Amino acid sequence: MRGGRAGGRHIDPALAADAIAAGDSPLTAREADVLLAAVGVAPVEDIATRVSLSPGTVRNYLSVAQSKLGASTRHEAVRIAQTRGWI
């Protein structure tokens, strides 16, 4: 988006269409936070440190997010959520 001359905003029609097609995120805010923290990070312990949670809690959030997104791995869940603009 960028500001218009009259102070309005311009939204790229293709981006708007993609966002509408993706629909509302099935993820809770915390699940999205954990997935975002998982981008490019391998060990669960590192993700836990980033989001100030225990590794077990992180595993639970990742498992639920994977299930909601129909992903077989957390990396796939991250990719799906990124592609759909949810993280």
PDB file of N, CA and C in Angstrom:
ATOM      1  N   MET A   1       0.834  -1.176   0.000  1.00  0.00           N
ATOM      2  CA  MET A   1       0.000   0.000   0.000  1.00  0.00           C
ATOM      3  C   MET A   1       0.878   1.238   0.000  1.00  0.00           C
ATOM      4  N   ARG A   2       0.362   2.297  -0.576  1.00  0.00           N
ATOM      5  CA  ARG A   2       1.084   3.562  -0.509  1.00  0.00           C
ATOM      6  C   ARG A   2       0.056   4.677  -0.397  1.00  0.00           C
ATOM      7  N   GLY A   3       0.449   5.756   0.185  1.00  0.00           N
ATOM      8  CA  GLY A   3      -0.472   6.869   0.378  1.00  0.00           C
ATOM      9  C   GLY A   3      -0.834   7.538  -0.927  1.00  0.00           C
ATOM     10  N   GLY A   4      -2.065   7.951  -1.049  1.00  0.00           N
ATOM     11  CA  GLY A   4      -2.517   8.668  -2.229  1.00  0.00           C
ATOM     12  C   GLY A   4      -2.362  10.153  -2.029  1.00  0.00           C
ATOM     13  N   ARG A   5      -2.688  10.916  -3.060  1.00  0.00           N
ATOM     14  CA  ARG A   5      -2.552  12.365  -2.972  1.00  0.00           C
ATOM     15  C   ARG A   5      -3.514  12.965  -1.966  1.00  0.00           C
ATOM     16  N   ALA A   6      -4.685  12.374  -1.814  1.00  0.00           N
ATOM     17  CA  ALA A   6      -5.687  12.919  -0.903  1.00  0.00           C
ATOM     18  C   ALA A   6      -5.589  12.278   0.481  1.00  0.00           C
ATOM     19  N   GLY A   7      -4.492  11.621   0.747  1.00  0.00           N
ATOM     20  CA  GLY A   7      -4.314  10.996   2.042  1.00  0.00           C
ATOM     21  C   GLY A   7      -4.911   9.605   2.124  1.00  0.00           C
ATOM     22  N   GLY A   8      -5.516   9.133   1.035  1.00  0.00           N
ATOM     23  CA  GLY A   8      -6.080   7.787   1.016  1.00  0.00           C
ATOM     24  C   GLY A   8      -5.002   6.760   0.776  1.00  0.00           C
ATOM     25  N   ARG A   9      -5.422   5.526   0.646  1.00  0.00           N
ATOM     26  CA  ARG A   9      -4.470   4.445   0.398  1.00  0.00           C
ATOM     27  C   ARG A   9      -4.807   3.764  -0.909  1.00  0.00           C
ATOM     28  N   HIS A  10      -3.760   3.313  -1.554  1.00  0.00           N
ATOM     29  CA  HIS A  10      -3.918   2.530  -2.771  1.00  0.00           C
ATOM     30  C   HIS A  10      -3.609   1.081  -2.420  1.00  0.00           C
ATOM     31  N   ILE A  11      -4.524   0.184  -2.738  1.00  0.00           N
ATOM     32  CA  ILE A  11      -4.317  -1.234  -2.490  1.00  0.00           C
ATOM     33  C   ILE A  11      -4.230  -1.936  -3.828  1.00  0.00           C
ATOM     34  N   ASP A  12      -3.149  -2.672  -4.007  1.00  0.00           N
ATOM     35  CA  ASP A  12      -2.956  -3.424  -5.241  1.00  0.00           C
ATOM     36  C   ASP A  12      -4.111  -4.409  -5.397  1.00  0.00           C
ATOM     37  N   PRO A  13      -4.855  -4.357  -6.495  1.00  0.00           N
ATOM     38  CA  PRO A  13      -6.012  -5.243  -6.682  1.00  0.00           C
ATOM     39  C   PRO A  13      -5.653  -6.733  -6.623  1.00  0.00           C
ATOM     40  N   ALA A  14      -4.476  -7.099  -7.125  1.00  0.00           N
ATOM     41  CA  ALA A  14      -4.073  -8.508  -7.089  1.00  0.00           C
ATOM     42  C   ALA A  14      -3.845  -8.966  -5.651  1.00  0.00           C
ATOM     43  N   LEU A  15      -3.217  -8.115  -4.834  1.00  0.00           N
ATOM     44  CA  LEU A  15      -3.004  -8.461  -3.432  1.00  0.00           C
ATOM     45  C   LEU A  15      -4.330  -8.565  -2.686  1.00  0.00           C
ATOM     46  N   ALA A  16      -5.234  -7.657  -2.973  1.00  0.00           N
ATOM     47  CA  ALA A  16      -6.550  -7.691  -2.329  1.00  0.00           C
ATOM     48  C   ALA A  16      -7.299  -8.961  -2.707  1.00  0.00           C
ATOM     49  N   ALA A  17      -7.243  -9.346  -3.968  1.00  0.00           N
ATOM     50  CA  ALA A  17      -7.920 -10.565  -4.425  1.00  0.00           C
ATOM     51  C   ALA A  17      -7.317 -11.801  -3.767  1.00  0.00           C
ATOM     52  N   ASP A  18      -5.993 -11.826  -3.650  1.00  0.00           N
ATOM     53  CA  ASP A  18      -5.335 -12.958  -2.987  1.00  0.00           C
ATOM     54  C   ASP A  18      -5.760 -13.060  -1.528  1.00  0.00           C
ATOM     55  N   ALA A  19      -5.822 -11.929  -0.842  1.00  0.00           N
ATOM     56  CA  ALA A  19      -6.207 -11.927   0.572  1.00  0.00           C
ATOM     57  C   ALA A  19      -7.637 -12.404   0.751  1.00  0.00           C
ATOM     58  N   ILE A  20      -8.527 -11.985  -0.129  1.00  0.00           N
ATOM     59  CA  ILE A  20      -9.926 -12.414  -0.047  1.00  0.00           C
ATOM     60  C   ILE A  20     -10.041 -13.899  -0.345  1.00  0.00           C
ATOM     61  N   ALA A  21      -9.309 -14.367  -1.342  1.00  0.00           N
ATOM     62  CA  ALA A  21      -9.364 -15.782  -1.717  1.00  0.00           C
ATOM     63  C   ALA A  21      -8.827 -16.666  -0.594  1.00  0.00           C
ATOM     64  N   ALA A  22      -7.836 -16.189   0.146  1.00  0.00           N
ATOM     65  CA  ALA A  22      -7.250 -16.981   1.229  1.00  0.00           C
ATOM     66  C   ALA A  22      -8.226 -17.144   2.383  1.00  0.00           C
ATOM     67  N   GLY A  23      -9.135 -16.208   2.537  1.00  0.00           N
ATOM     68  CA  GLY A  23     -10.109 -16.292   3.616  1.00  0.00           C
ATOM     69  C   GLY A  23      -9.495 -15.924   4.954  1.00  0.00           C
ATOM     70  N   ASP A  24     -10.319 -16.046   5.980  1.00  0.00           N
ATOM     71  CA  ASP A  24      -9.864 -15.749   7.328  1.00  0.00           C
ATOM     72  C   ASP A  24      -8.938 -16.857   7.813  1.00  0.00           C
ATOM     73  N   SER A  25      -7.965 -16.463   8.583  1.00  0.00           N
ATOM     74  CA  SER A  25      -7.018 -17.426   9.128  1.00  0.00           C
ATOM     75  C   SER A  25      -7.686 -18.303  10.180  1.00  0.00           C
ATOM     76  N   PRO A  26      -7.447 -19.598  10.110  1.00  0.00           N
ATOM     77  CA  PRO A  26      -7.972 -20.491  11.148  1.00  0.00           C
ATOM     78  C   PRO A  26      -7.086 -20.489  12.396  1.00  0.00           C
ATOM     79  N   LEU A  27      -5.960 -19.799  12.314  1.00  0.00           N
ATOM     80  CA  LEU A  27      -4.985 -19.796  13.397  1.00  0.00           C
ATOM     81  C   LEU A  27      -5.339 -18.763  14.459  1.00  0.00           C
ATOM     82  N   THR A  28      -5.074 -19.110  15.724  1.00  0.00           N
ATOM     83  CA  THR A  28      -5.176 -18.110  16.771  1.00  0.00           C
ATOM     84  C   THR A  28      -3.980 -17.180  16.641  1.00  0.00           C
ATOM     85  N   ALA A  29      -4.038 -16.059  17.318  1.00  0.00           N
ATOM     86  CA  ALA A  29      -2.922 -15.116  17.275  1.00  0.00           C
ATOM     87  C   ALA A  29      -1.646 -15.774  17.798  1.00  0.00           C
ATOM     88  N   ARG A  30      -1.752 -16.572  18.842  1.00  0.00           N
ATOM     89  CA  ARG A  30      -0.561 -17.209  19.417  1.00  0.00           C
ATOM     90  C   ARG A  30       0.002 -18.277  18.485  1.00  0.00           C
ATOM     91  N   GLU A  31      -0.874 -19.040  17.822  1.00  0.00           N
ATOM     92  CA  GLU A  31      -0.405 -20.032  16.844  1.00  0.00           C
ATOM     93  C   GLU A  31       0.341 -19.335  15.712  1.00  0.00           C
ATOM     94  N   ALA A  32      -0.203 -18.222  15.255  1.00  0.00           N
ATOM     95  CA  ALA A  32       0.462 -17.462  14.196  1.00  0.00           C
ATOM     96  C   ALA A  32       1.808 -16.934  14.673  1.00  0.00           C
ATOM     97  N   ASP A  33       1.869 -16.456  15.918  1.00  0.00           N
ATOM     98  CA  ASP A  33       3.138 -15.970  16.478  1.00  0.00           C
ATOM     99  C   ASP A  33       4.188 -17.079  16.491  1.00  0.00           C
ATOM    100  N   VAL A  34       3.780 -18.265  16.932  1.00  0.00           N
ATOM    101  CA  VAL A  34       4.714 -19.389  17.021  1.00  0.00           C
ATOM    102  C   VAL A  34       5.172 -19.798  15.619  1.00  0.00           C
ATOM    103  N   LEU A  35       4.243 -19.846  14.658  1.00  0.00           N
ATOM    104  CA  LEU A  35       4.639 -20.185  13.282  1.00  0.00           C
ATOM    105  C   LEU A  35       5.601 -19.137  12.729  1.00  0.00           C
ATOM    106  N   LEU A  36       5.318 -17.878  12.997  1.00  0.00           N
ATOM    107  CA  LEU A  36       6.200 -16.820  12.516  1.00  0.00           C
ATOM    108  C   LEU A  36       7.590 -16.953  13.132  1.00  0.00           C
ATOM    109  N   ALA A  37       7.639 -17.292  14.405  1.00  0.00           N
ATOM    110  CA  ALA A  37       8.929 -17.486  15.070  1.00  0.00           C
ATOM    111  C   ALA A  37       9.660 -18.703  14.524  1.00  0.00           C
ATOM    112  N   ALA A  38       8.924 -19.640  13.927  1.00  0.00           N
ATOM    113  CA  ALA A  38       9.522 -20.870  13.391  1.00  0.00           C
ATOM    114  C   ALA A  38      10.144 -20.681  12.009  1.00  0.00           C
ATOM    115  N   VAL A  39       9.891 -19.552  11.388  1.00  0.00           N
ATOM    116  CA  VAL A  39      10.436 -19.313  10.050  1.00  0.00           C
ATOM    117  C   VAL A  39      11.958 -19.367  10.109  1.00  0.00           C
ATOM    118  N   GLY A  40      12.529 -20.315   9.370  1.00  0.00           N
ATOM    119  CA  GLY A  40      13.975 -20.429   9.271  1.00  0.00           C
ATOM    120  C   GLY A  40      14.675 -20.958  10.512  1.00  0.00           C
ATOM    121  N   VAL A  41      13.914 -21.380  11.519  1.00  0.00           N
ATOM    122  CA  VAL A  41      14.516 -21.882  12.761  1.00  0.00           C
ATOM    123  C   VAL A  41      14.231 -23.368  12.881  1.00  0.00           C
ATOM    124  N   ALA A  42      15.244 -24.150  13.141  1.00  0.00           N
ATOM    125  CA  ALA A  42      15.059 -25.592  13.239  1.00  0.00           C
ATOM    126  C   ALA A  42      14.684 -26.068  14.642  1.00  0.00           C
ATOM    127  N   PRO A  43      15.491 -25.841  15.653  1.00  0.00           N
ATOM    128  CA  PRO A  43      15.181 -26.431  16.958  1.00  0.00           C
ATOM    129  C   PRO A  43      13.987 -25.771  17.651  1.00  0.00           C
ATOM    130  N   VAL A  44      13.132 -26.605  18.211  1.00  0.00           N
ATOM    131  CA  VAL A  44      11.963 -26.120  18.955  1.00  0.00           C
ATOM    132  C   VAL A  44      12.417 -25.239  20.116  1.00  0.00           C
ATOM    133  N   GLU A  45      13.535 -25.572  20.711  1.00  0.00           N
ATOM    134  CA  GLU A  45      14.050 -24.792  21.840  1.00  0.00           C
ATOM    135  C   GLU A  45      14.325 -23.339  21.436  1.00  0.00           C
ATOM    136  N   ASP A  46      14.820 -23.135  20.219  1.00  0.00           N
ATOM    137  CA  ASP A  46      15.072 -21.771  19.733  1.00  0.00           C
ATOM    138  C   ASP A  46      13.761 -21.020  19.524  1.00  0.00           C
ATOM    139  N   ILE A  47      12.770 -21.705  18.982  1.00  0.00           N
ATOM    140  CA  ILE A  47      11.456 -21.085  18.795  1.00  0.00           C
ATOM    141  C   ILE A  47      10.893 -20.712  20.166  1.00  0.00           C
ATOM    142  N   ALA A  48      11.002 -21.627  21.130  1.00  0.00           N
ATOM    143  CA  ALA A  48      10.491 -21.384  22.477  1.00  0.00           C
ATOM    144  C   ALA A  48      11.127 -20.137  23.084  1.00  0.00           C
ATOM    145  N   THR A  49      12.425 -19.988  22.891  1.00  0.00           N
ATOM    146  CA  THR A  49      13.116 -18.809  23.408  1.00  0.00           C
ATOM    147  C   THR A  49      12.582 -17.543  22.756  1.00  0.00           C
ATOM    148  N   ARG A  50      12.362 -17.596  21.457  1.00  0.00           N
ATOM    149  CA  ARG A  50      11.863 -16.417  20.722  1.00  0.00           C
ATOM    150  C   ARG A  50      10.496 -15.963  21.211  1.00  0.00           C
ATOM    151  N   VAL A  51       9.636 -16.909  21.582  1.00  0.00           N
ATOM    152  CA  VAL A  51       8.258 -16.555  21.959  1.00  0.00           C
ATOM    153  C   VAL A  51       8.010 -16.672  23.462  1.00  0.00           C
ATOM    154  N   SER A  52       9.053 -16.901  24.220  1.00  0.00           N
ATOM    155  CA  SER A  52       8.965 -16.986  25.684  1.00  0.00           C
ATOM    156  C   SER A  52       7.971 -18.027  26.168  1.00  0.00           C
ATOM    157  N   LEU A  53       8.064 -19.215  25.585  1.00  0.00           N
ATOM    158  CA  LEU A  53       7.231 -20.342  25.983  1.00  0.00           C
ATOM    159  C   LEU A  53       8.125 -21.553  26.220  1.00  0.00           C
ATOM    160  N   SER A  54       7.580 -22.568  26.858  1.00  0.00           N
ATOM    161  CA  SER A  54       8.345 -23.801  27.037  1.00  0.00           C
ATOM    162  C   SER A  54       8.368 -24.567  25.715  1.00  0.00           C
ATOM    163  N   PRO A  55       9.385 -25.389  25.499  1.00  0.00           N
ATOM    164  CA  PRO A  55       9.429 -26.196  24.277  1.00  0.00           C
ATOM    165  C   PRO A  55       8.181 -27.070  24.107  1.00  0.00           C
ATOM    166  N   GLY A  56       7.657 -27.624  25.192  1.00  0.00           N
ATOM    167  CA  GLY A  56       6.453 -28.450  25.101  1.00  0.00           C
ATOM    168  C   GLY A  56       5.250 -27.667  24.623  1.00  0.00           C
ATOM    169  N   THR A  57       5.111 -26.445  25.107  1.00  0.00           N
ATOM    170  CA  THR A  57       4.001 -25.583  24.680  1.00  0.00           C
ATOM    171  C   THR A  57       4.148 -25.221  23.205  1.00  0.00           C
ATOM    172  N   VAL A  58       5.378 -24.950  22.792  1.00  0.00           N
ATOM    173  CA  VAL A  58       5.635 -24.651  21.376  1.00  0.00           C
ATOM    174  C   VAL A  58       5.257 -25.846  20.512  1.00  0.00           C
ATOM    175  N   ARG A  59       5.651 -27.047  20.938  1.00  0.00           N
ATOM    176  CA  ARG A  59       5.294 -28.253  20.174  1.00  0.00           C
ATOM    177  C   ARG A  59       3.780 -28.376  20.042  1.00  0.00           C
ATOM    178  N   ASN A  60       3.056 -28.080  21.128  1.00  0.00           N
ATOM    179  CA  ASN A  60       1.590 -28.144  21.081  1.00  0.00           C
ATOM    180  C   ASN A  60       1.025 -27.139  20.085  1.00  0.00           C
ATOM    181  N   TYR A  61       1.493 -25.889  20.143  1.00  0.00           N
ATOM    182  CA  TYR A  61       1.014 -24.870  19.199  1.00  0.00           C
ATOM    183  C   TYR A  61       1.325 -25.269  17.758  1.00  0.00           C
ATOM    184  N   LEU A  62       2.532 -25.769  17.522  1.00  0.00           N
ATOM    185  CA  LEU A  62       2.902 -26.171  16.168  1.00  0.00           C
ATOM    186  C   LEU A  62       2.040 -27.332  15.686  1.00  0.00           C
ATOM    187  N   SER A  63       1.775 -28.283  16.563  1.00  0.00           N
ATOM    188  CA  SER A  63       0.951 -29.432  16.199  1.00  0.00           C
ATOM    189  C   SER A  63      -0.468 -29.008  15.834  1.00  0.00           C
ATOM    190  N   VAL A  64      -1.034 -28.130  16.635  1.00  0.00           N
ATOM    191  CA  VAL A  64      -2.398 -27.657  16.358  1.00  0.00           C
ATOM    192  C   VAL A  64      -2.423 -26.860  15.049  1.00  0.00           C
ATOM    193  N   ALA A  65      -1.435 -26.000  14.845  1.00  0.00           N
ATOM    194  CA  ALA A  65      -1.372 -25.200  13.614  1.00  0.00           C
ATOM    195  C   ALA A  65      -1.231 -26.110  12.395  1.00  0.00           C
ATOM    196  N   GLN A  66      -0.359 -27.127  12.492  1.00  0.00           N
ATOM    197  CA  GLN A  66      -0.199 -28.083  11.390  1.00  0.00           C
ATOM    198  C   GLN A  66      -1.529 -28.751  11.076  1.00  0.00           C
ATOM    199  N   SER A  67      -2.225 -29.173  12.097  1.00  0.00           N
ATOM    200  CA  SER A  67      -3.501 -29.847  11.914  1.00  0.00           C
ATOM    201  C   SER A  67      -4.513 -28.920  11.238  1.00  0.00           C
ATOM    202  N   LYS A  68      -4.619 -27.704  11.730  1.00  0.00           N
ATOM    203  CA  LYS A  68      -5.570 -26.742  11.162  1.00  0.00           C
ATOM    204  C   LYS A  68      -5.277 -26.449   9.692  1.00  0.00           C
ATOM    205  N   LEU A  69      -4.000 -26.452   9.334  1.00  0.00           N
ATOM    206  CA  LEU A  69      -3.602 -26.107   7.967  1.00  0.00           C
ATOM    207  C   LEU A  69      -3.455 -27.329   7.065  1.00  0.00           C
ATOM    208  N   GLY A  70      -3.639 -28.525   7.631  1.00  0.00           N
ATOM    209  CA  GLY A  70      -3.505 -29.743   6.839  1.00  0.00           C
ATOM    210  C   GLY A  70      -2.078 -29.999   6.405  1.00  0.00           C
ATOM    211  N   ALA A  71      -1.134 -29.548   7.221  1.00  0.00           N
ATOM    212  CA  ALA A  71       0.286 -29.690   6.896  1.00  0.00           C
ATOM    213  C   ALA A  71       0.858 -30.915   7.595  1.00  0.00           C
ATOM    214  N   SER A  72       1.829 -31.549   6.953  1.00  0.00           N
ATOM    215  CA  SER A  72       2.448 -32.734   7.554  1.00  0.00           C
ATOM    216  C   SER A  72       3.679 -32.385   8.385  1.00  0.00           C
ATOM    217  N   THR A  73       4.227 -31.183   8.184  1.00  0.00           N
ATOM    218  CA  THR A  73       5.376 -30.727   8.970  1.00  0.00           C
ATOM    219  C   THR A  73       5.169 -29.272   9.356  1.00  0.00           C
ATOM    220  N   ARG A  74       5.937 -28.822  10.342  1.00  0.00           N
ATOM    221  CA  ARG A  74       5.813 -27.409  10.723  1.00  0.00           C
ATOM    222  C   ARG A  74       6.328 -26.503   9.611  1.00  0.00           C
ATOM    223  N   HIS A  75       7.312 -26.988   8.851  1.00  0.00           N
ATOM    224  CA  HIS A  75       7.835 -26.182   7.741  1.00  0.00           C
ATOM    225  C   HIS A  75       6.764 -25.984   6.671  1.00  0.00           C
ATOM    226  N   GLU A  76       5.988 -27.029   6.420  1.00  0.00           N
ATOM    227  CA  GLU A  76       4.880 -26.909   5.469  1.00  0.00           C
ATOM    228  C   GLU A  76       3.811 -25.969   6.018  1.00  0.00           C
ATOM    229  N   ALA A  77       3.547 -26.040   7.313  1.00  0.00           N
ATOM    230  CA  ALA A  77       2.560 -25.150   7.939  1.00  0.00           C
ATOM    231  C   ALA A  77       3.007 -23.696   7.803  1.00  0.00           C
ATOM    232  N   VAL A  78       4.285 -23.440   8.018  1.00  0.00           N
ATOM    233  CA  VAL A  78       4.823 -22.085   7.854  1.00  0.00           C
ATOM    234  C   VAL A  78       4.616 -21.620   6.418  1.00  0.00           C
ATOM    235  N   ARG A  79       4.955 -22.479   5.454  1.00  0.00           N
ATOM    236  CA  ARG A  79       4.817 -22.115   4.037  1.00  0.00           C
ATOM    237  C   ARG A  79       3.365 -21.797   3.691  1.00  0.00           C
ATOM    238  N   ILE A  80       2.439 -22.633   4.143  1.00  0.00           N
ATOM    239  CA  ILE A  80       1.019 -22.414   3.862  1.00  0.00           C
ATOM    240  C   ILE A  80       0.560 -21.091   4.463  1.00  0.00           C
ATOM    241  N   ALA A  81       0.903 -20.863   5.715  1.00  0.00           N
ATOM    242  CA  ALA A  81       0.481 -19.636   6.394  1.00  0.00           C
ATOM    243  C   ALA A  81       1.081 -18.394   5.735  1.00  0.00           C
ATOM    244  N   GLN A  82       2.335 -18.490   5.298  1.00  0.00           N
ATOM    245  CA  GLN A  82       2.957 -17.363   4.601  1.00  0.00           C
ATOM    246  C   GLN A  82       2.282 -17.110   3.254  1.00  0.00           C
ATOM    247  N   THR A  83       2.051 -18.172   2.517  1.00  0.00           N
ATOM    248  CA  THR A  83       1.446 -18.058   1.193  1.00  0.00           C
ATOM    249  C   THR A  83       0.074 -17.400   1.267  1.00  0.00           C
ATOM    250  N   ARG A  84      -0.662 -17.733   2.311  1.00  0.00           N
ATOM    251  CA  ARG A  84      -2.014 -17.194   2.466  1.00  0.00           C
ATOM    252  C   ARG A  84      -2.054 -15.859   3.191  1.00  0.00           C
ATOM    253  N   GLY A  85      -0.886 -15.374   3.568  1.00  0.00           N
ATOM    254  CA  GLY A  85      -0.805 -14.058   4.202  1.00  0.00           C
ATOM    255  C   GLY A  85      -1.249 -14.033   5.655  1.00  0.00           C
ATOM    256  N   TRP A  86      -1.194 -15.187   6.318  1.00  0.00           N
ATOM    257  CA  TRP A  86      -1.646 -15.271   7.705  1.00  0.00           C
ATOM    258  C   TRP A  86      -0.518 -15.031   8.694  1.00  0.00           C
ATOM    259  N   ILE A  87       0.719 -15.108   8.225  1.00  0.00           N
ATOM    260  CA  ILE A  87       1.871 -14.738   9.069  1.00  0.00           C
ATOM    261  C   ILE A  87       2.814 -13.906   8.227  1.00  0.00           C
TER     262      ILE A  87
END
